[in-house]
Structure formats: C-alpha cells, structure tokens
Amino acid sequence: MEYILFALFLGTCFGAGATGGLFPPGAWYVSLNKPSWTPPNWIFPVMWTTIYVLISFAAARVAVMEGSHFAMAFWAAQIAFNTLWTPMFFGLRRLKGALIVMAFLWLSVLGCFITHWQIDFWAGIAMVPYLAWVSVAAMLNYSVANLNPDVETLDLSKL
C-alpha cells in the first residue's frame, strides 16, 4: 500500500465528511419522526470515521494495481455521491431528493465492493462495512421520508 495515496484518499474522505459540519442535523432533524431502530447519534461519527479509514485503505491498495480503472471510477463516484447526500438531506431538507442520491450512492458502493474484491481480497473486505452502513442509511432515509411526508424543504430564495 502506498501511504501517500492512503493520505490523499483519507483527505478526500474527510473532505466529504466535512459536509456534516457545514450542514449539521440540528433541531430540524431532532424534530422529525424517525423509526424506532434509528441508530443512536454517537454511532454516526464512529461509523463514518471507521468507514473512511477502511475505504481509503482499500483505494490505496487497489489504485496501484493493474486493471484498477473501474474500481477507481466507482470509488470516485461513491465519494461524490457521499459528499452530495448531506447537503441534500440536511442542507436543503429534500428527503426524497436525498433518497435518489442515496440510491446512486448505494449502487456506486456496491460497484466499489465488487470491483475492489475482484482485484484484491483485503480491499474487498474493507468495503463490506461501508456497503452494510449505506444499506442501513438508505433504509433510514426511506423511513424518515415516509414518516415525514409534509416536511418543508429549505427555500434558498429566502436566504
């Protein structure tokens, strides 16, 4: 594994994760109806930090290997959709729009898992927690959207 590549991928992940600081859940999210199985708040930063380290490890291993072009394309796609989801859900409060982003995120993470697995066993294994967590996040996004059909989106023209 290339440590400089690992640092670059990790920096990219934490850049994506910084959207959580720009668009924090806040009182609006607390007021939403959520399913009983919603994970506790403390688990989100723990999971995302762990996932970001694991997927950076996976990308750093695979990026230098022959035939990694599809794996790296899926990696780029998943981090782009990962970055977009938070502003869509928490920033614009577009729960159904965020669900569309989540669908693309889930598909790109699945593609990442498959292509990384094909190239390197350990890189594929490192993607498993991400696929599991994004599956939970997708179900949570879907449930929150259904439980809150009348939530008002943020009107940017009034800012």
C-alpha atoms as a PDB file:
ATOM      1  CA  MET A   1       0.000   0.000   0.000  1.00  0.00           C
ATOM      2  CA  GLU A   2       1.174   3.478  -0.853  1.00  0.00           C
ATOM      3  CA  TYR A   3       0.986   5.664   2.252  1.00  0.00           C
ATOM      4  CA  ILE A   4       0.859   8.905   0.276  1.00  0.00           C
ATOM      5  CA  LEU A   5      -2.105   7.553  -1.688  1.00  0.00           C
ATOM      6  CA  PHE A   6      -3.740   6.462   1.571  1.00  0.00           C
ATOM      7  CA  ALA A   7      -3.339  10.003   2.942  1.00  0.00           C
ATOM      8  CA  LEU A   8      -4.797  11.507  -0.245  1.00  0.00           C
ATOM      9  CA  PHE A   9      -7.797   9.189  -0.194  1.00  0.00           C
ATOM     10  CA  LEU A  10      -8.317   9.772   3.527  1.00  0.00           C
ATOM     11  CA  GLY A  11      -8.160  13.529   2.996  1.00  0.00           C
ATOM     12  CA  THR A  12     -10.771  13.177   0.268  1.00  0.00           C
ATOM     13  CA  CYS A  13     -12.996  11.194   2.627  1.00  0.00           C
ATOM     14  CA  PHE A  14     -12.718  13.722   5.415  1.00  0.00           C
ATOM     15  CA  GLY A  15     -13.399  16.474   2.882  1.00  0.00           C
ATOM     16  CA  ALA A  16     -16.633  14.678   2.024  1.00  0.00           C
ATOM     17  CA  GLY A  17     -17.341  14.192   5.715  1.00  0.00           C
ATOM     18  CA  ALA A  18     -16.862  17.916   6.342  1.00  0.00           C
ATOM     19  CA  THR A  19     -20.276  18.488   4.804  1.00  0.00           C
ATOM     20  CA  GLY A  20     -21.621  17.163   8.103  1.00  0.00           C
ATOM     21  CA  GLY A  21     -20.077  20.189   9.788  1.00  0.00           C
ATOM     22  CA  LEU A  22     -21.427  22.544   7.152  1.00  0.00           C
ATOM     23  CA  PHE A  23     -24.914  21.047   7.328  1.00  0.00           C
ATOM     24  CA  PRO A  24     -25.363  19.649  10.862  1.00  0.00           C
ATOM     25  CA  PRO A  25     -28.560  17.764  11.722  1.00  0.00           C
ATOM     26  CA  GLY A  26     -29.654  20.290  14.357  1.00  0.00           C
ATOM     27  CA  ALA A  27     -33.093  20.847  15.850  1.00  0.00           C
ATOM     28  CA  TRP A  28     -34.806  20.278  12.500  1.00  0.00           C
ATOM     29  CA  TYR A  29     -33.602  16.679  12.340  1.00  0.00           C
ATOM     30  CA  VAL A  30     -34.361  16.062  16.011  1.00  0.00           C
ATOM     31  CA  SER A  31     -37.973  17.146  15.397  1.00  0.00           C
ATOM     32  CA  LEU A  32     -38.510  14.616  12.587  1.00  0.00           C
ATOM     33  CA  ASN A  33     -40.361  11.368  13.113  1.00  0.00           C
ATOM     34  CA  LYS A  34     -37.831   8.536  12.923  1.00  0.00           C
ATOM     35  CA  PRO A  35     -38.183   4.763  13.067  1.00  0.00           C
ATOM     36  CA  SER A  36     -37.601   3.048  16.402  1.00  0.00           C
ATOM     37  CA  TRP A  37     -34.485   1.334  15.037  1.00  0.00           C
ATOM     38  CA  THR A  38     -32.692   4.635  14.293  1.00  0.00           C
ATOM     39  CA  PRO A  39     -29.080   4.266  15.500  1.00  0.00           C
ATOM     40  CA  PRO A  40     -28.044   6.475  18.423  1.00  0.00           C
ATOM     41  CA  ASN A  41     -26.397   9.766  17.459  1.00  0.00           C
ATOM     42  CA  TRP A  42     -22.957   8.796  18.801  1.00  0.00           C
ATOM     43  CA  ILE A  43     -22.617   5.913  16.358  1.00  0.00           C
ATOM     44  CA  PHE A  44     -22.650   8.068  13.220  1.00  0.00           C
ATOM     45  CA  PRO A  45     -19.206   9.713  13.667  1.00  0.00           C
ATOM     46  CA  VAL A  46     -17.739   6.403  14.851  1.00  0.00           C
ATOM     47  CA  MET A  47     -19.033   4.548  11.808  1.00  0.00           C
ATOM     48  CA  TRP A  48     -18.068   7.221   9.289  1.00  0.00           C
ATOM     49  CA  THR A  49     -14.553   7.570  10.683  1.00  0.00           C
ATOM     50  CA  THR A  50     -14.081   3.794  10.559  1.00  0.00           C
ATOM     51  CA  ILE A  51     -15.527   3.572   7.048  1.00  0.00           C
ATOM     52  CA  TYR A  52     -13.380   6.425   5.762  1.00  0.00           C
ATOM     53  CA  VAL A  53     -10.213   4.754   7.052  1.00  0.00           C
ATOM     54  CA  LEU A  54     -11.233   1.399   5.555  1.00  0.00           C
ATOM     55  CA  ILE A  55     -12.181   2.717   2.123  1.00  0.00           C
ATOM     56  CA  SER A  56      -9.016   4.812   1.978  1.00  0.00           C
ATOM     57  CA  PHE A  57      -7.024   1.670   2.758  1.00  0.00           C
ATOM     58  CA  ALA A  58      -8.914  -0.196   0.016  1.00  0.00           C
ATOM     59  CA  ALA A  59      -8.391   2.536  -2.560  1.00  0.00           C
ATOM     60  CA  ALA A  60      -4.692   2.909  -1.751  1.00  0.00           C
ATOM     61  CA  ARG A  61      -4.183  -0.841  -2.238  1.00  0.00           C
ATOM     62  CA  VAL A  62      -6.118  -1.073  -5.491  1.00  0.00           C
ATOM     63  CA  ALA A  63      -5.064   2.205  -7.156  1.00  0.00           C
ATOM     64  CA  VAL A  64      -1.563   0.897  -7.918  1.00  0.00           C
ATOM     65  CA  MET A  65      -2.735  -2.473  -9.235  1.00  0.00           C
ATOM     66  CA  GLU A  66      -3.166  -3.475 -12.850  1.00  0.00           C
ATOM     67  CA  GLY A  67      -6.747  -3.192 -14.094  1.00  0.00           C
ATOM     68  CA  SER A  68      -7.978  -0.862 -11.353  1.00  0.00           C
ATOM     69  CA  HIS A  69      -9.661   1.695 -13.631  1.00  0.00           C
ATOM     70  CA  PHE A  70     -13.251   0.548 -12.931  1.00  0.00           C
ATOM     71  CA  ALA A  71     -12.563   0.185  -9.211  1.00  0.00           C
ATOM     72  CA  MET A  72     -11.213   3.707  -9.015  1.00  0.00           C
ATOM     73  CA  ALA A  73     -14.087   5.075 -11.112  1.00  0.00           C
ATOM     74  CA  PHE A  74     -16.555   3.517  -8.673  1.00  0.00           C
ATOM     75  CA  TRP A  75     -14.509   4.887  -5.766  1.00  0.00           C
ATOM     76  CA  ALA A  76     -14.696   8.394  -7.257  1.00  0.00           C
ATOM     77  CA  ALA A  77     -18.438   8.022  -7.850  1.00  0.00           C
ATOM     78  CA  GLN A  78     -19.172   6.868  -4.313  1.00  0.00           C
ATOM     79  CA  ILE A  79     -17.245   9.719  -2.701  1.00  0.00           C
ATOM     80  CA  ALA A  80     -19.033  12.227  -4.947  1.00  0.00           C
ATOM     81  CA  PHE A  81     -22.482  10.877  -4.005  1.00  0.00           C
ATOM     82  CA  ASN A  82     -21.358  10.626  -0.370  1.00  0.00           C
ATOM     83  CA  THR A  83     -20.437  14.326  -0.471  1.00  0.00           C
ATOM     84  CA  LEU A  84     -23.742  15.292  -2.112  1.00  0.00           C
ATOM     85  CA  TRP A  85     -26.096  13.426   0.222  1.00  0.00           C
ATOM     86  CA  THR A  86     -25.596  15.540   3.376  1.00  0.00           C
ATOM     87  CA  PRO A  87     -26.322  18.926   1.754  1.00  0.00           C
ATOM     88  CA  MET A  88     -29.349  17.411   0.002  1.00  0.00           C
ATOM     89  CA  PHE A  89     -30.800  15.865   3.184  1.00  0.00           C
ATOM     90  CA  PHE A  90     -29.733  18.232   5.963  1.00  0.00           C
ATOM     91  CA  GLY A  91     -28.991  21.384   3.966  1.00  0.00           C
ATOM     92  CA  LEU A  92     -31.901  21.535   1.523  1.00  0.00           C
ATOM     93  CA  ARG A  93     -34.117  19.198   3.579  1.00  0.00           C
ATOM     94  CA  ARG A  94     -35.135  17.348   0.441  1.00  0.00           C
ATOM     95  CA  LEU A  95     -35.752  13.918   1.904  1.00  0.00           C
ATOM     96  CA  LYS A  96     -36.919  12.316  -1.337  1.00  0.00           C
ATOM     97  CA  GLY A  97     -34.172  14.020  -3.339  1.00  0.00           C
ATOM     98  CA  ALA A  98     -31.659  12.673  -0.840  1.00  0.00           C
ATOM     99  CA  LEU A  99     -33.163   9.233  -1.376  1.00  0.00           C
ATOM    100  CA  ILE A 100     -32.327   9.484  -5.089  1.00  0.00           C
ATOM    101  CA  VAL A 101     -28.749  10.472  -4.216  1.00  0.00           C
ATOM    102  CA  MET A 102     -28.682   7.572  -1.740  1.00  0.00           C
ATOM    103  CA  ALA A 103     -29.726   5.128  -4.466  1.00  0.00           C
ATOM    104  CA  PHE A 104     -26.778   6.228  -6.609  1.00  0.00           C
ATOM    105  CA  LEU A 105     -24.502   6.124  -3.563  1.00  0.00           C
ATOM    106  CA  TRP A 106     -25.601   2.572  -2.741  1.00  0.00           C
ATOM    107  CA  LEU A 107     -25.075   1.423  -6.342  1.00  0.00           C
ATOM    108  CA  SER A 108     -21.634   3.018  -6.507  1.00  0.00           C
ATOM    109  CA  VAL A 109     -20.629   1.443  -3.179  1.00  0.00           C
ATOM    110  CA  LEU A 110     -21.833  -1.934  -4.454  1.00  0.00           C
ATOM    111  CA  GLY A 111     -19.781  -1.391  -7.631  1.00  0.00           C
ATOM    112  CA  CYS A 112     -16.833  -0.395  -5.465  1.00  0.00           C
ATOM    113  CA  PHE A 113     -17.163  -3.533  -3.369  1.00  0.00           C
ATOM    114  CA  ILE A 114     -17.387  -5.823  -6.415  1.00  0.00           C
ATOM    115  CA  THR A 115     -14.514  -4.262  -8.352  1.00  0.00           C
ATOM    116  CA  HIS A 116     -12.240  -3.940  -5.328  1.00  0.00           C
ATOM    117  CA  TRP A 117     -12.981  -7.556  -4.368  1.00  0.00           C
ATOM    118  CA  GLN A 118     -12.074  -8.738  -7.864  1.00  0.00           C
ATOM    119  CA  ILE A 119      -8.676  -7.054  -7.668  1.00  0.00           C
ATOM    120  CA  ASP A 120      -7.685  -7.542  -4.031  1.00  0.00           C
ATOM    121  CA  PHE A 121      -9.260  -9.669  -1.295  1.00  0.00           C
ATOM    122  CA  TRP A 122      -8.411  -7.250   1.550  1.00  0.00           C
ATOM    123  CA  ALA A 123      -9.635  -4.221  -0.376  1.00  0.00           C
ATOM    124  CA  GLY A 124     -12.927  -6.015  -0.973  1.00  0.00           C
ATOM    125  CA  ILE A 125     -13.254  -6.963   2.689  1.00  0.00           C
ATOM    126  CA  ALA A 126     -12.589  -3.330   3.652  1.00  0.00           C
ATOM    127  CA  MET A 127     -15.650  -2.289   1.614  1.00  0.00           C
ATOM    128  CA  VAL A 128     -18.083  -4.600   3.453  1.00  0.00           C
ATOM    129  CA  PRO A 129     -18.807  -2.273   6.430  1.00  0.00           C
ATOM    130  CA  TYR A 130     -19.450   0.596   4.015  1.00  0.00           C
ATOM    131  CA  LEU A 131     -21.944  -1.422   1.995  1.00  0.00           C
ATOM    132  CA  ALA A 132     -23.694  -2.505   5.202  1.00  0.00           C
ATOM    133  CA  TRP A 133     -23.784   1.027   6.642  1.00  0.00           C
ATOM    134  CA  VAL A 134     -25.036   2.606   3.417  1.00  0.00           C
ATOM    135  CA  SER A 135     -27.768  -0.043   3.326  1.00  0.00           C
ATOM    136  CA  VAL A 136     -28.851   0.998   6.825  1.00  0.00           C
ATOM    137  CA  ALA A 137     -28.604   4.680   5.846  1.00  0.00           C
ATOM    138  CA  ALA A 138     -30.745   4.065   2.756  1.00  0.00           C
ATOM    139  CA  MET A 139     -33.438   2.343   4.820  1.00  0.00           C
ATOM    140  CA  LEU A 140     -33.279   5.167   7.363  1.00  0.00           C
ATOM    141  CA  ASN A 141     -33.542   7.845   4.648  1.00  0.00           C
ATOM    142  CA  TYR A 142     -36.516   5.991   3.137  1.00  0.00           C
ATOM    143  CA  SER A 143     -38.235   5.595   6.508  1.00  0.00           C
ATOM    144  CA  VAL A 144     -37.714   9.222   7.528  1.00  0.00           C
ATOM    145  CA  ALA A 145     -39.045  10.421   4.156  1.00  0.00           C
ATOM    146  CA  ASN A 146     -42.150   8.249   4.563  1.00  0.00           C
ATOM    147  CA  LEU A 147     -42.702   9.227   8.205  1.00  0.00           C
ATOM    148  CA  ASN A 148     -42.408  12.936   7.363  1.00  0.00           C
ATOM    149  CA  PRO A 149     -44.234  13.450   4.058  1.00  0.00           C
ATOM    150  CA  ASP A 150     -45.065  17.090   4.787  1.00  0.00           C
ATOM    151  CA  VAL A 151     -41.598  18.277   5.779  1.00  0.00           C
ATOM    152  CA  GLU A 152     -40.852  21.670   4.309  1.00  0.00           C
ATOM    153  CA  THR A 153     -37.797  21.931   2.123  1.00  0.00           C
ATOM    154  CA  LEU A 154     -35.423  24.811   2.590  1.00  0.00           C
ATOM    155  CA  ASP A 155     -36.300  27.660   0.232  1.00  0.00           C
ATOM    156  CA  LEU A 156     -32.969  29.058  -0.945  1.00  0.00           C
ATOM    157  CA  SER A 157     -34.623  32.135  -2.456  1.00  0.00           C
ATOM    158  CA  LYS A 158     -35.413  33.373   1.075  1.00  0.00           C
ATOM    159  CA  LEU A 159     -31.799  33.252   2.237  1.00  0.00           C
END
